Amino acid sequence: MPLTLQDFDYALPTELIAQFPAPERAASRLLRLASESLSDHRFTDLPQFLRPGDVLVFNDTRVLKARLYGAKASGGKIEALVERVTGAHEALVQMRTSHPPKPGMRLTFDAAIEVEVLERRGDLYLLRFGGSASVYELLERHGHLPLPPYITHADGEADHARYQTVYAQHPGAVAAPTAGLHFDEPMLTRLRDMGVTLAWLTLHVGAGTFQPVRASNLAEHKMHSESYEIPPATVEAVARARAAGRAVIAVGTTSLRALESAARTGVTRAEADRSLRSGAGETDLFITPGYRFHVVDRLITNFHLPKSTLLMLVSAFAGMETMRAAYTHAIAQRYRFFSYGDAMLIDRLPQ
C-alpha cells in the first residue's frame, strides 16, 4: 500500500512542546528503543548503552542568525529568512511580504543593511548585500536566531547559547541539529575516556526543514536540498568501527542523512561501507519506510512533528508500529517534544 501523510499523524498536547531547554544540556530525558522494547532514562545514562570502539557521528554545523526584519522603499514591511549564503555578498532567502519584490528593487533590513533583489528562484530570492561586510558578518551583527515556528518567544541571549551545539564550527544552518543540543563538554569527555570515537561531518540544515509535506501521497513529495561535507577522518572512523563489529551511531537525522547520502544505494551493506566517500555533496534524500540503510546502526534523535519528513525517517529506521508505540509512550510519560525537548536512542530495525 502506498504511504500517505495521514500514516504519520498523531495528537500531541500543546503543553508538551518544549518552549525552553532543560536547565542543563544533559539534564533531558532519554527514551531507549531497542528490539521493540521501551525504557525510560536520563540523557546522562547514554554512556551505559555504548561500547568502546563505537563511533558517534556529530553534525558540527553552526546556526546563523538568519532572520531579518526590514522594509521596502515604499515602507512595506518584510521578514526574510536566509536559506543559503551563496557568496561573500549574496544569499538565497525566503521572504514574507504583502507583495513579492521584483528584480532591481532595493530593501533595507534593521535600518542598516541595504540589499538589492537580483532574481527570483522558485520560492526563494537571490539578494545582493551592499557594503564591505560579508553576509555572515552582517547576519551576526543584525540578524535574529531563527527559532522554529512552534517556539512562541522571540530569540534572546539564552537561545543564542542553547540553540547551538557546544561543538558548532561551520556557519551555514538555519536550524539547529537538535539531537546534539543534549551534549555538553563533560559528556563528550566521558565518552572519549571510555573509548567511544567522536567523528564529525557538516550538513547545513535548510529552511525547508520547517516546510510541511503538502502531498497526501508521499511518493509525490519533493525533498528540499541541503549541502553536506564528510571529512576523511569520519570515513576512516566508520570503517574501523565496522571492521571491529562496533556500532555507527548518528547523532541526529542530519548526520544520518549525510552518511546515507554519501554511501551508494542498491548494493550490499559491505559494499556500501567501502564506498562511503569523503567530500562535499548535496542531498535531497527522502527516507520513508522501506528504505534500506547502509551505514547507520543506531540513532540519537529528538521527537519530531506530526506528518513531518523526520518522523517518516525515524519510522523507517525503527519500524512504523514500533515508532507509534514509542510516541504513545512518550506522550503518556510526559516527555518534552521537539527542538528543546527530550531525546531518543533507537536501534535500527533488522533488515
C-alpha atoms as a PDB file:
ATOM      1  CA  MET A   1       0.000   0.000   0.000  1.00  0.00           C
ATOM      2  CA  PRO A   2       1.341   3.480  -0.797  1.00  0.00           C
ATOM      3  CA  LEU A   3       2.267   5.606   2.198  1.00  0.00           C
ATOM      4  CA  THR A   4       0.122   8.635   2.913  1.00  0.00           C
ATOM      5  CA  LEU A   5       0.615  11.706   5.049  1.00  0.00           C
ATOM      6  CA  GLN A   6      -2.058  10.525   7.455  1.00  0.00           C
ATOM      7  CA  ASP A   7       0.049   7.469   8.320  1.00  0.00           C
ATOM      8  CA  PHE A   8       2.395   9.797  10.220  1.00  0.00           C
ATOM      9  CA  ASP A   9      -0.091  11.896  12.163  1.00  0.00           C
ATOM     10  CA  TYR A  10      -0.525  11.859  15.933  1.00  0.00           C
ATOM     11  CA  ALA A  11      -2.182  14.033  18.560  1.00  0.00           C
ATOM     12  CA  LEU A  12       0.204  15.968  20.799  1.00  0.00           C
ATOM     13  CA  PRO A  13      -0.921  18.064  23.785  1.00  0.00           C
ATOM     14  CA  THR A  14       0.465  21.545  23.212  1.00  0.00           C
ATOM     15  CA  GLU A  15       1.855  21.720  26.737  1.00  0.00           C
ATOM     16  CA  LEU A  16       4.374  19.002  25.804  1.00  0.00           C
ATOM     17  CA  ILE A  17       6.024  21.253  23.196  1.00  0.00           C
ATOM     18  CA  ALA A  18       9.181  22.437  24.953  1.00  0.00           C
ATOM     19  CA  GLN A  19       9.423  26.224  24.801  1.00  0.00           C
ATOM     20  CA  PHE A  20      12.730  26.382  26.643  1.00  0.00           C
ATOM     21  CA  PRO A  21      15.617  23.935  27.059  1.00  0.00           C
ATOM     22  CA  ALA A  22      16.278  21.932  30.206  1.00  0.00           C
ATOM     23  CA  PRO A  23      18.279  23.831  32.857  1.00  0.00           C
ATOM     24  CA  GLU A  24      21.405  21.938  31.774  1.00  0.00           C
ATOM     25  CA  ARG A  25      22.092  20.344  28.380  1.00  0.00           C
ATOM     26  CA  ALA A  26      22.428  16.764  29.626  1.00  0.00           C
ATOM     27  CA  ALA A  27      19.510  17.093  32.070  1.00  0.00           C
ATOM     28  CA  SER A  28      16.976  15.972  29.459  1.00  0.00           C
ATOM     29  CA  ARG A  29      15.296  12.571  29.443  1.00  0.00           C
ATOM     30  CA  LEU A  30      16.213   9.690  27.143  1.00  0.00           C
ATOM     31  CA  LEU A  31      13.765   7.141  25.774  1.00  0.00           C
ATOM     32  CA  ARG A  32      15.603   3.927  24.841  1.00  0.00           C
ATOM     33  CA  LEU A  33      14.084   1.928  21.989  1.00  0.00           C
ATOM     34  CA  ALA A  34      15.696  -1.461  21.349  1.00  0.00           C
ATOM     35  CA  SER A  35      14.252  -4.695  19.960  1.00  0.00           C
ATOM     36  CA  GLU A  36      10.748  -3.227  20.238  1.00  0.00           C
ATOM     37  CA  SER A  37      11.218  -2.640  23.982  1.00  0.00           C
ATOM     38  CA  LEU A  38      10.977   0.768  25.637  1.00  0.00           C
ATOM     39  CA  SER A  39      12.766   2.031  28.733  1.00  0.00           C
ATOM     40  CA  ASP A  40      12.939   5.465  30.378  1.00  0.00           C
ATOM     41  CA  HIS A  41      16.269   7.032  31.302  1.00  0.00           C
ATOM     42  CA  ARG A  42      18.141  10.309  31.728  1.00  0.00           C
ATOM     43  CA  PHE A  43      20.419  11.548  28.970  1.00  0.00           C
ATOM     44  CA  THR A  44      23.335  11.194  31.371  1.00  0.00           C
ATOM     45  CA  ASP A  45      22.721   7.425  31.143  1.00  0.00           C
ATOM     46  CA  LEU A  46      23.752   7.401  27.475  1.00  0.00           C
ATOM     47  CA  PRO A  47      27.293   6.017  28.053  1.00  0.00           C
ATOM     48  CA  GLN A  48      25.909   2.805  29.565  1.00  0.00           C
ATOM     49  CA  PHE A  49      24.395   1.946  26.168  1.00  0.00           C
ATOM     50  CA  LEU A  50      27.678   2.408  24.272  1.00  0.00           C
ATOM     51  CA  ARG A  51      30.837   0.302  23.954  1.00  0.00           C
ATOM     52  CA  PRO A  52      34.488   1.179  23.357  1.00  0.00           C
ATOM     53  CA  GLY A  53      35.038   1.310  19.629  1.00  0.00           C
ATOM     54  CA  ASP A  54      31.548   2.567  18.828  1.00  0.00           C
ATOM     55  CA  VAL A  55      31.570   5.747  16.743  1.00  0.00           C
ATOM     56  CA  LEU A  56      29.256   8.695  17.308  1.00  0.00           C
ATOM     57  CA  VAL A  57      28.901  10.932  14.239  1.00  0.00           C
ATOM     58  CA  PHE A  58      28.011  14.561  15.021  1.00  0.00           C
ATOM     59  CA  ASN A  59      26.907  17.398  12.739  1.00  0.00           C
ATOM     60  CA  ASP A  60      29.120  20.406  13.514  1.00  0.00           C
ATOM     61  CA  THR A  61      27.151  22.993  11.526  1.00  0.00           C
ATOM     62  CA  ARG A  62      26.630  26.365  13.190  1.00  0.00           C
ATOM     63  CA  VAL A  63      23.241  28.113  13.141  1.00  0.00           C
ATOM     64  CA  LEU A  64      23.210  31.529  11.508  1.00  0.00           C
ATOM     65  CA  LYS A  65      21.285  34.495  12.867  1.00  0.00           C
ATOM     66  CA  ALA A  66      19.387  34.077   9.636  1.00  0.00           C
ATOM     67  CA  ARG A  67      16.153  36.001  10.263  1.00  0.00           C
ATOM     68  CA  LEU A  68      15.992  39.646   9.198  1.00  0.00           C
ATOM     69  CA  TYR A  69      13.289  42.275   9.552  1.00  0.00           C
ATOM     70  CA  GLY A  70      13.087  45.248   7.223  1.00  0.00           C
ATOM     71  CA  ALA A  71      11.154  47.374   4.785  1.00  0.00           C
ATOM     72  CA  LYS A  72      10.804  48.277   1.126  1.00  0.00           C
ATOM     73  CA  ALA A  73      11.409  51.820  -0.068  1.00  0.00           C
ATOM     74  CA  SER A  74       7.611  52.213  -0.030  1.00  0.00           C
ATOM     75  CA  GLY A  75       7.562  51.408   3.671  1.00  0.00           C
ATOM     76  CA  GLY A  76       6.029  47.939   3.391  1.00  0.00           C
ATOM     77  CA  LYS A  77       7.317  45.512   5.988  1.00  0.00           C
ATOM     78  CA  ILE A  78       9.406  42.460   5.083  1.00  0.00           C
ATOM     79  CA  GLU A  79      10.534  39.409   7.019  1.00  0.00           C
ATOM     80  CA  ALA A  80      13.369  37.422   5.467  1.00  0.00           C
ATOM     81  CA  LEU A  81      14.990  34.103   6.275  1.00  0.00           C
ATOM     82  CA  VAL A  82      18.373  33.378   4.717  1.00  0.00           C
ATOM     83  CA  GLU A  83      18.230  29.885   3.230  1.00  0.00           C
ATOM     84  CA  ARG A  84      21.782  29.682   1.909  1.00  0.00           C
ATOM     85  CA  VAL A  85      24.755  32.036   1.631  1.00  0.00           C
ATOM     86  CA  THR A  86      25.968  31.742  -1.970  1.00  0.00           C
ATOM     87  CA  GLY A  87      28.861  34.223  -1.914  1.00  0.00           C
ATOM     88  CA  ALA A  88      30.545  36.857   0.193  1.00  0.00           C
ATOM     89  CA  HIS A  89      27.761  39.352  -0.598  1.00  0.00           C
ATOM     90  CA  GLU A  90      24.920  37.195  -1.937  1.00  0.00           C
ATOM     91  CA  ALA A  91      22.353  34.864  -0.414  1.00  0.00           C
ATOM     92  CA  LEU A  92      19.177  32.997  -1.274  1.00  0.00           C
ATOM     93  CA  VAL A  93      16.357  33.947   1.072  1.00  0.00           C
ATOM     94  CA  GLN A  94      12.711  33.294   1.783  1.00  0.00           C
ATOM     95  CA  MET A  95      10.666  36.475   2.118  1.00  0.00           C
ATOM     96  CA  ARG A  96       7.331  37.227   3.714  1.00  0.00           C
ATOM     97  CA  THR A  97       5.772  40.425   2.411  1.00  0.00           C
ATOM     98  CA  SER A  98       2.415  41.702   1.186  1.00  0.00           C
ATOM     99  CA  HIS A  99       3.639  41.969  -2.426  1.00  0.00           C
ATOM    100  CA  PRO A 100       6.519  39.936  -3.906  1.00  0.00           C
ATOM    101  CA  PRO A 101       9.578  42.110  -4.555  1.00  0.00           C
ATOM    102  CA  LYS A 102      10.795  42.386  -8.149  1.00  0.00           C
ATOM    103  CA  PRO A 103      14.349  42.243  -9.530  1.00  0.00           C
ATOM    104  CA  GLY A 104      16.104  45.560  -9.095  1.00  0.00           C
ATOM    105  CA  MET A 105      14.086  46.503  -6.017  1.00  0.00           C
ATOM    106  CA  ARG A 106      16.092  47.742  -3.041  1.00  0.00           C
ATOM    107  CA  LEU A 107      15.297  46.712   0.517  1.00  0.00           C
ATOM    108  CA  THR A 108      16.560  47.741   3.941  1.00  0.00           C
ATOM    109  CA  PHE A 109      16.901  45.399   6.914  1.00  0.00           C
ATOM    110  CA  ASP A 110      17.330  46.501  10.511  1.00  0.00           C
ATOM    111  CA  ALA A 111      17.701  50.069   9.206  1.00  0.00           C
ATOM    112  CA  ALA A 112      21.311  49.157   8.467  1.00  0.00           C
ATOM    113  CA  ILE A 113      21.582  46.527   5.722  1.00  0.00           C
ATOM    114  CA  GLU A 114      20.951  47.644   2.130  1.00  0.00           C
ATOM    115  CA  VAL A 115      20.208  44.858  -0.351  1.00  0.00           C
ATOM    116  CA  GLU A 116      19.190  44.553  -3.989  1.00  0.00           C
ATOM    117  CA  VAL A 117      16.849  41.869  -5.315  1.00  0.00           C
ATOM    118  CA  LEU A 118      18.698  40.154  -8.179  1.00  0.00           C
ATOM    119  CA  GLU A 119      16.226  37.467  -9.224  1.00  0.00           C
ATOM    120  CA  ARG A 120      13.588  35.042  -8.088  1.00  0.00           C
ATOM    121  CA  ARG A 121      14.317  31.314  -7.986  1.00  0.00           C
ATOM    122  CA  GLY A 122      11.140  29.410  -7.260  1.00  0.00           C
ATOM    123  CA  ASP A 123      10.103  30.272  -3.703  1.00  0.00           C
ATOM    124  CA  LEU A 124      13.435  31.985  -2.985  1.00  0.00           C
ATOM    125  CA  TYR A 125      15.011  35.326  -3.878  1.00  0.00           C
ATOM    126  CA  LEU A 126      18.658  35.976  -4.660  1.00  0.00           C
ATOM    127  CA  LEU A 127      19.798  39.125  -2.852  1.00  0.00           C
ATOM    128  CA  ARG A 128      22.997  41.142  -3.104  1.00  0.00           C
ATOM    129  CA  PHE A 129      24.079  42.696   0.203  1.00  0.00           C
ATOM    130  CA  GLY A 130      25.722  46.120  -0.040  1.00  0.00           C
ATOM    131  CA  GLY A 131      28.794  47.389   1.794  1.00  0.00           C
ATOM    132  CA  SER A 132      32.144  45.801   2.515  1.00  0.00           C
ATOM    133  CA  ALA A 133      30.991  43.411   5.261  1.00  0.00           C
ATOM    134  CA  SER A 134      30.199  39.837   4.263  1.00  0.00           C
ATOM    135  CA  VAL A 135      26.753  38.293   4.568  1.00  0.00           C
ATOM    136  CA  TYR A 136      27.989  36.259   7.545  1.00  0.00           C
ATOM    137  CA  GLU A 137      29.242  39.399   9.307  1.00  0.00           C
ATOM    138  CA  LEU A 138      26.010  41.283   8.676  1.00  0.00           C
ATOM    139  CA  LEU A 139      23.866  38.419   9.955  1.00  0.00           C
ATOM    140  CA  GLU A 140      25.952  38.130  13.110  1.00  0.00           C
ATOM    141  CA  ARG A 141      25.548  41.863  13.804  1.00  0.00           C
ATOM    142  CA  HIS A 142      21.922  42.387  12.810  1.00  0.00           C
ATOM    143  CA  GLY A 143      20.185  39.027  12.396  1.00  0.00           C
ATOM    144  CA  HIS A 144      17.938  37.095  14.713  1.00  0.00           C
ATOM    145  CA  LEU A 145      18.213  33.415  15.564  1.00  0.00           C
ATOM    146  CA  PRO A 146      15.562  31.554  13.514  1.00  0.00           C
ATOM    147  CA  LEU A 147      13.805  29.646  16.275  1.00  0.00           C
ATOM    148  CA  PRO A 148      11.271  27.099  14.980  1.00  0.00           C
ATOM    149  CA  PRO A 149       7.703  28.350  14.461  1.00  0.00           C
ATOM    150  CA  TYR A 150       6.348  26.261  17.363  1.00  0.00           C
ATOM    151  CA  ILE A 151       8.555  28.165  19.837  1.00  0.00           C
ATOM    152  CA  THR A 152       6.480  31.187  20.741  1.00  0.00           C
ATOM    153  CA  HIS A 153       9.035  33.558  22.297  1.00  0.00           C
ATOM    154  CA  ALA A 154      11.434  35.819  20.406  1.00  0.00           C
ATOM    155  CA  ASP A 155      15.077  34.805  20.387  1.00  0.00           C
ATOM    156  CA  GLY A 156      17.083  36.039  23.360  1.00  0.00           C
ATOM    157  CA  GLU A 157      20.577  35.707  24.766  1.00  0.00           C
ATOM    158  CA  ALA A 158      19.790  32.334  26.346  1.00  0.00           C
ATOM    159  CA  ASP A 159      18.699  30.984  22.954  1.00  0.00           C
ATOM    160  CA  HIS A 160      21.887  32.258  21.318  1.00  0.00           C
ATOM    161  CA  ALA A 161      23.783  29.848  23.551  1.00  0.00           C
ATOM    162  CA  ARG A 162      21.381  26.927  23.892  1.00  0.00           C
ATOM    163  CA  TYR A 163      20.073  26.725  20.299  1.00  0.00           C
ATOM    164  CA  GLN A 164      23.631  25.944  19.264  1.00  0.00           C
ATOM    165  CA  THR A 165      25.663  22.793  19.925  1.00  0.00           C
ATOM    166  CA  VAL A 166      28.792  23.129  22.044  1.00  0.00           C
ATOM    167  CA  TYR A 167      30.838  21.787  19.118  1.00  0.00           C
ATOM    168  CA  ALA A 168      29.345  24.004  16.371  1.00  0.00           C
ATOM    169  CA  GLN A 169      32.091  25.042  13.954  1.00  0.00           C
ATOM    170  CA  HIS A 170      30.945  25.821  10.416  1.00  0.00           C
ATOM    171  CA  PRO A 171      28.271  28.540   9.939  1.00  0.00           C
ATOM    172  CA  GLY A 172      25.524  27.854   7.440  1.00  0.00           C
ATOM    173  CA  ALA A 173      22.455  26.273   9.096  1.00  0.00           C
ATOM    174  CA  VAL A 174      19.109  27.952   9.649  1.00  0.00           C
ATOM    175  CA  ALA A 175      18.016  25.339  12.179  1.00  0.00           C
ATOM    176  CA  ALA A 176      19.959  23.501  14.846  1.00  0.00           C
ATOM    177  CA  PRO A 177      20.817  19.800  14.593  1.00  0.00           C
ATOM    178  CA  THR A 178      18.814  19.390  17.774  1.00  0.00           C
ATOM    179  CA  ALA A 179      19.917  15.901  18.869  1.00  0.00           C
ATOM    180  CA  GLY A 180      23.322  17.443  19.509  1.00  0.00           C
ATOM    181  CA  LEU A 181      21.940  20.065  21.901  1.00  0.00           C
ATOM    182  CA  HIS A 182      21.922  17.468  24.709  1.00  0.00           C
ATOM    183  CA  PHE A 183      25.702  17.023  24.680  1.00  0.00           C
ATOM    184  CA  ASP A 184      27.884  19.131  26.955  1.00  0.00           C
ATOM    185  CA  GLU A 185      31.670  19.092  27.315  1.00  0.00           C
ATOM    186  CA  PRO A 186      31.664  16.731  30.364  1.00  0.00           C
ATOM    187  CA  MET A 187      29.588  14.226  28.380  1.00  0.00           C
ATOM    188  CA  LEU A 188      31.922  14.416  25.380  1.00  0.00           C
ATOM    189  CA  THR A 189      34.929  13.940  27.652  1.00  0.00           C
ATOM    190  CA  ARG A 190      33.276  10.989  29.381  1.00  0.00           C
ATOM    191  CA  LEU A 191      32.597   9.311  26.035  1.00  0.00           C
ATOM    192  CA  ARG A 192      36.157   9.838  24.817  1.00  0.00           C
ATOM    193  CA  ASP A 193      37.573   8.476  28.065  1.00  0.00           C
ATOM    194  CA  MET A 194      35.572   5.246  27.735  1.00  0.00           C
ATOM    195  CA  GLY A 195      36.900   4.659  24.225  1.00  0.00           C
ATOM    196  CA  VAL A 196      33.981   5.864  22.100  1.00  0.00           C
ATOM    197  CA  THR A 197      35.145   7.546  18.888  1.00  0.00           C
ATOM    198  CA  LEU A 198      33.719  11.008  18.200  1.00  0.00           C
ATOM    199  CA  ALA A 199      33.531  11.824  14.496  1.00  0.00           C
ATOM    200  CA  TRP A 200      32.252  14.865  12.637  1.00  0.00           C
ATOM    201  CA  LEU A 201      30.542  15.935   9.462  1.00  0.00           C
ATOM    202  CA  THR A 202      28.795  19.118   8.355  1.00  0.00           C
ATOM    203  CA  LEU A 203      25.279  19.356   6.960  1.00  0.00           C
ATOM    204  CA  HIS A 204      23.797  22.837   6.792  1.00  0.00           C
ATOM    205  CA  VAL A 205      20.154  22.457   7.792  1.00  0.00           C
ATOM    206  CA  GLY A 206      17.949  24.456   5.423  1.00  0.00           C
ATOM    207  CA  ALA A 207      14.704  26.310   5.980  1.00  0.00           C
ATOM    208  CA  GLY A 208      12.942  23.512   4.149  1.00  0.00           C
ATOM    209  CA  THR A 209      13.113  21.505   7.350  1.00  0.00           C
ATOM    210  CA  PHE A 210      10.202  23.665   8.610  1.00  0.00           C
ATOM    211  CA  GLN A 211       8.116  23.261   5.461  1.00  0.00           C
ATOM    212  CA  PRO A 212       5.089  20.966   5.766  1.00  0.00           C
ATOM    213  CA  VAL A 213       4.603  17.998   3.475  1.00  0.00           C
ATOM    214  CA  ARG A 214       1.739  19.035   1.210  1.00  0.00           C
ATOM    215  CA  ALA A 215       1.317  15.875  -0.882  1.00  0.00           C
ATOM    216  CA  SER A 216      -1.038  13.293   0.601  1.00  0.00           C
ATOM    217  CA  ASN A 217       0.729  10.578  -1.407  1.00  0.00           C
ATOM    218  CA  LEU A 218       4.327  10.628  -0.150  1.00  0.00           C
ATOM    219  CA  ALA A 219       5.633   9.411  -3.496  1.00  0.00           C
ATOM    220  CA  GLU A 220       4.748  12.873  -4.828  1.00  0.00           C
ATOM    221  CA  HIS A 221       6.766  14.808  -2.225  1.00  0.00           C
ATOM    222  CA  LYS A 222       9.973  16.537  -3.315  1.00  0.00           C
ATOM    223  CA  MET A 223      12.553  16.860  -0.554  1.00  0.00           C
ATOM    224  CA  HIS A 224      14.466  20.132  -0.165  1.00  0.00           C
ATOM    225  CA  SER A 225      18.207  20.018  -0.895  1.00  0.00           C
ATOM    226  CA  GLU A 226      20.919  20.595   1.702  1.00  0.00           C
ATOM    227  CA  SER A 227      24.704  20.743   1.379  1.00  0.00           C
ATOM    228  CA  TYR A 228      26.988  18.478   3.370  1.00  0.00           C
ATOM    229  CA  GLU A 229      30.660  17.599   3.729  1.00  0.00           C
ATOM    230  CA  ILE A 230      32.218  14.467   5.232  1.00  0.00           C
ATOM    231  CA  PRO A 231      35.936  14.578   6.137  1.00  0.00           C
ATOM    232  CA  PRO A 232      38.267  11.621   5.522  1.00  0.00           C
ATOM    233  CA  ALA A 233      38.701  11.043   9.268  1.00  0.00           C
ATOM    234  CA  THR A 234      34.987  10.271   9.625  1.00  0.00           C
ATOM    235  CA  VAL A 235      35.048   7.773   6.752  1.00  0.00           C
ATOM    236  CA  GLU A 236      38.032   6.093   8.418  1.00  0.00           C
ATOM    237  CA  ALA A 237      36.272   6.029  11.815  1.00  0.00           C
ATOM    238  CA  VAL A 238      33.210   4.346  10.283  1.00  0.00           C
ATOM    239  CA  ALA A 239      35.417   1.746   8.585  1.00  0.00           C
ATOM    240  CA  ARG A 240      37.268   0.979  11.835  1.00  0.00           C
ATOM    241  CA  ALA A 241      34.031   0.570  13.767  1.00  0.00           C
ATOM    242  CA  ARG A 242      32.600  -1.731  11.121  1.00  0.00           C
ATOM    243  CA  ALA A 243      35.755  -3.847  10.988  1.00  0.00           C
ATOM    244  CA  ALA A 244      35.673  -4.230  14.788  1.00  0.00           C
ATOM    245  CA  GLY A 245      31.985  -5.137  14.870  1.00  0.00           C
ATOM    246  CA  ARG A 246      31.073  -1.907  16.624  1.00  0.00           C
ATOM    247  CA  ALA A 247      28.102   0.399  16.053  1.00  0.00           C
ATOM    248  CA  VAL A 248      27.907   3.523  13.903  1.00  0.00           C
ATOM    249  CA  ILE A 249      25.599   5.909  15.760  1.00  0.00           C
ATOM    250  CA  ALA A 250      24.274   9.033  14.066  1.00  0.00           C
ATOM    251  CA  VAL A 251      23.689  11.975  16.368  1.00  0.00           C
ATOM    252  CA  GLY A 252      20.590  13.374  14.722  1.00  0.00           C
ATOM    253  CA  THR A 253      18.719  12.855  11.489  1.00  0.00           C
ATOM    254  CA  THR A 254      21.022  15.313   9.687  1.00  0.00           C
ATOM    255  CA  SER A 255      24.085  13.169  10.404  1.00  0.00           C
ATOM    256  CA  LEU A 256      22.152  10.093   9.275  1.00  0.00           C
ATOM    257  CA  ARG A 257      21.039  11.699   6.006  1.00  0.00           C
ATOM    258  CA  ALA A 258      24.570  12.861   5.206  1.00  0.00           C
ATOM    259  CA  LEU A 259      26.079   9.422   5.857  1.00  0.00           C
ATOM    260  CA  GLU A 260      23.405   7.569   3.931  1.00  0.00           C
ATOM    261  CA  SER A 261      23.636  10.047   1.054  1.00  0.00           C
ATOM    262  CA  ALA A 262      27.393   9.558   0.815  1.00  0.00           C
ATOM    263  CA  ALA A 263      27.056   5.764   0.515  1.00  0.00           C
ATOM    264  CA  ARG A 264      25.941   4.125  -2.727  1.00  0.00           C
ATOM    265  CA  THR A 265      22.482   2.619  -2.792  1.00  0.00           C
ATOM    266  CA  GLY A 266      21.429  -0.621  -4.437  1.00  0.00           C
ATOM    267  CA  VAL A 267      24.462  -2.565  -3.227  1.00  0.00           C
ATOM    268  CA  THR A 268      25.207  -4.869  -0.330  1.00  0.00           C
ATOM    269  CA  ARG A 269      25.875  -3.408   3.097  1.00  0.00           C
ATOM    270  CA  ALA A 270      29.594  -4.280   2.992  1.00  0.00           C
ATOM    271  CA  GLU A 271      29.999  -2.672  -0.433  1.00  0.00           C
ATOM    272  CA  ALA A 272      28.181   0.425   0.778  1.00  0.00           C
ATOM    273  CA  ASP A 273      30.518   0.745   3.768  1.00  0.00           C
ATOM    274  CA  ARG A 274      33.546   0.569   1.484  1.00  0.00           C
ATOM    275  CA  SER A 275      32.047   3.132  -0.862  1.00  0.00           C
ATOM    276  CA  LEU A 276      31.424   5.780   1.796  1.00  0.00           C
ATOM    277  CA  ARG A 277      33.417   8.698   0.446  1.00  0.00           C
ATOM    278  CA  SER A 278      34.688  11.897   1.949  1.00  0.00           C
ATOM    279  CA  GLY A 279      33.991  15.234   0.322  1.00  0.00           C
ATOM    280  CA  ALA A 280      31.166  17.687  -0.300  1.00  0.00           C
ATOM    281  CA  GLY A 281      27.782  16.983  -1.787  1.00  0.00           C
ATOM    282  CA  GLU A 282      24.114  17.894  -1.967  1.00  0.00           C
ATOM    283  CA  THR A 283      21.360  15.689  -0.603  1.00  0.00           C
ATOM    284  CA  ASP A 284      17.627  15.630  -1.195  1.00  0.00           C
ATOM    285  CA  LEU A 285      17.344  12.109   0.213  1.00  0.00           C
ATOM    286  CA  PHE A 286      13.779  11.417   1.371  1.00  0.00           C
ATOM    287  CA  ILE A 287      13.777   8.427   3.710  1.00  0.00           C
ATOM    288  CA  THR A 288      10.466   6.642   4.250  1.00  0.00           C
ATOM    289  CA  PRO A 289       9.576   3.132   5.471  1.00  0.00           C
ATOM    290  CA  GLY A 290      11.041   0.557   3.128  1.00  0.00           C
ATOM    291  CA  TYR A 291      14.364   2.380   2.758  1.00  0.00           C
ATOM    292  CA  ARG A 292      17.423   0.138   3.219  1.00  0.00           C
ATOM    293  CA  PHE A 293      20.034   1.725   5.482  1.00  0.00           C
ATOM    294  CA  HIS A 294      23.673   1.181   4.515  1.00  0.00           C
ATOM    295  CA  VAL A 295      25.766   2.907   7.203  1.00  0.00           C
ATOM    296  CA  VAL A 296      23.933   3.811  10.417  1.00  0.00           C
ATOM    297  CA  ASP A 297      23.148   1.214  13.117  1.00  0.00           C
ATOM    298  CA  ARG A 298      21.687   3.432  15.827  1.00  0.00           C
ATOM    299  CA  LEU A 299      20.255   6.921  16.037  1.00  0.00           C
ATOM    300  CA  ILE A 300      20.062   9.591  18.711  1.00  0.00           C
ATOM    301  CA  THR A 301      17.230  11.974  17.909  1.00  0.00           C
ATOM    302  CA  ASN A 302      14.587  14.240  19.387  1.00  0.00           C
ATOM    303  CA  PHE A 303      10.828  13.786  18.985  1.00  0.00           C
ATOM    304  CA  HIS A 304       9.513  15.092  15.670  1.00  0.00           C
ATOM    305  CA  LEU A 305       6.429  16.926  14.444  1.00  0.00           C
ATOM    306  CA  PRO A 306       3.363  15.055  13.193  1.00  0.00           C
ATOM    307  CA  LYS A 307       3.357  14.497   9.417  1.00  0.00           C
ATOM    308  CA  SER A 308       6.999  15.598   9.135  1.00  0.00           C
ATOM    309  CA  THR A 309       9.687  14.071   6.938  1.00  0.00           C
ATOM    310  CA  LEU A 310      11.754  13.488  10.078  1.00  0.00           C
ATOM    311  CA  LEU A 311       9.015  11.379  11.656  1.00  0.00           C
ATOM    312  CA  MET A 312       8.929   9.398   8.419  1.00  0.00           C
ATOM    313  CA  LEU A 313      12.697   8.894   8.631  1.00  0.00           C
ATOM    314  CA  VAL A 314      12.661   7.550  12.199  1.00  0.00           C
ATOM    315  CA  SER A 315       9.688   5.351  11.315  1.00  0.00           C
ATOM    316  CA  ALA A 316      11.771   3.863   8.512  1.00  0.00           C
ATOM    317  CA  PHE A 317      14.649   3.341  10.924  1.00  0.00           C
ATOM    318  CA  ALA A 318      12.748   1.664  13.779  1.00  0.00           C
ATOM    319  CA  GLY A 319       9.528   0.469  12.097  1.00  0.00           C
ATOM    320  CA  MET A 320       6.217   2.280  11.875  1.00  0.00           C
ATOM    321  CA  GLU A 321       4.356   0.344  14.561  1.00  0.00           C
ATOM    322  CA  THR A 322       7.327   0.471  16.904  1.00  0.00           C
ATOM    323  CA  MET A 323       7.618   4.213  16.456  1.00  0.00           C
ATOM    324  CA  ARG A 324       3.886   4.731  17.017  1.00  0.00           C
ATOM    325  CA  ALA A 325       4.172   2.803  20.282  1.00  0.00           C
ATOM    326  CA  ALA A 326       7.198   4.884  21.313  1.00  0.00           C
ATOM    327  CA  TYR A 327       5.395   8.176  20.704  1.00  0.00           C
ATOM    328  CA  THR A 328       2.287   6.971  22.532  1.00  0.00           C
ATOM    329  CA  HIS A 329       4.511   6.019  25.481  1.00  0.00           C
ATOM    330  CA  ALA A 330       6.376   9.339  25.385  1.00  0.00           C
ATOM    331  CA  ILE A 331       3.139  11.330  25.464  1.00  0.00           C
ATOM    332  CA  ALA A 332       1.761   9.243  28.333  1.00  0.00           C
ATOM    333  CA  GLN A 333       5.018   9.705  30.276  1.00  0.00           C
ATOM    334  CA  ARG A 334       5.012  13.463  29.605  1.00  0.00           C
ATOM    335  CA  TYR A 335       8.247  13.660  27.643  1.00  0.00           C
ATOM    336  CA  ARG A 336       9.073  17.090  26.218  1.00  0.00           C
ATOM    337  CA  PHE A 337       8.857  17.363  22.429  1.00  0.00           C
ATOM    338  CA  PHE A 338      10.700  18.982  19.517  1.00  0.00           C
ATOM    339  CA  SER A 339      13.849  21.136  19.383  1.00  0.00           C
ATOM    340  CA  TYR A 340      14.203  21.974  23.081  1.00  0.00           C
ATOM    341  CA  GLY A 341      12.709  18.658  24.179  1.00  0.00           C
ATOM    342  CA  ASP A 342      13.940  15.216  25.216  1.00  0.00           C
ATOM    343  CA  ALA A 343      15.817  12.576  23.225  1.00  0.00           C
ATOM    344  CA  MET A 344      15.556   9.004  21.997  1.00  0.00           C
ATOM    345  CA  LEU A 345      18.226   6.351  21.399  1.00  0.00           C
ATOM    346  CA  ILE A 346      16.946   3.991  18.698  1.00  0.00           C
ATOM    347  CA  ASP A 347      18.296   0.730  17.307  1.00  0.00           C
ATOM    348  CA  ARG A 348      17.756   0.170  13.601  1.00  0.00           C
ATOM    349  CA  LEU A 349      15.063  -2.274  12.537  1.00  0.00           C
ATOM    350  CA  PRO A 350      16.701  -5.537  11.340  1.00  0.00           C
ATOM    351  CA  GLN A 351      16.944  -5.599   7.557  1.00  0.00           C
END
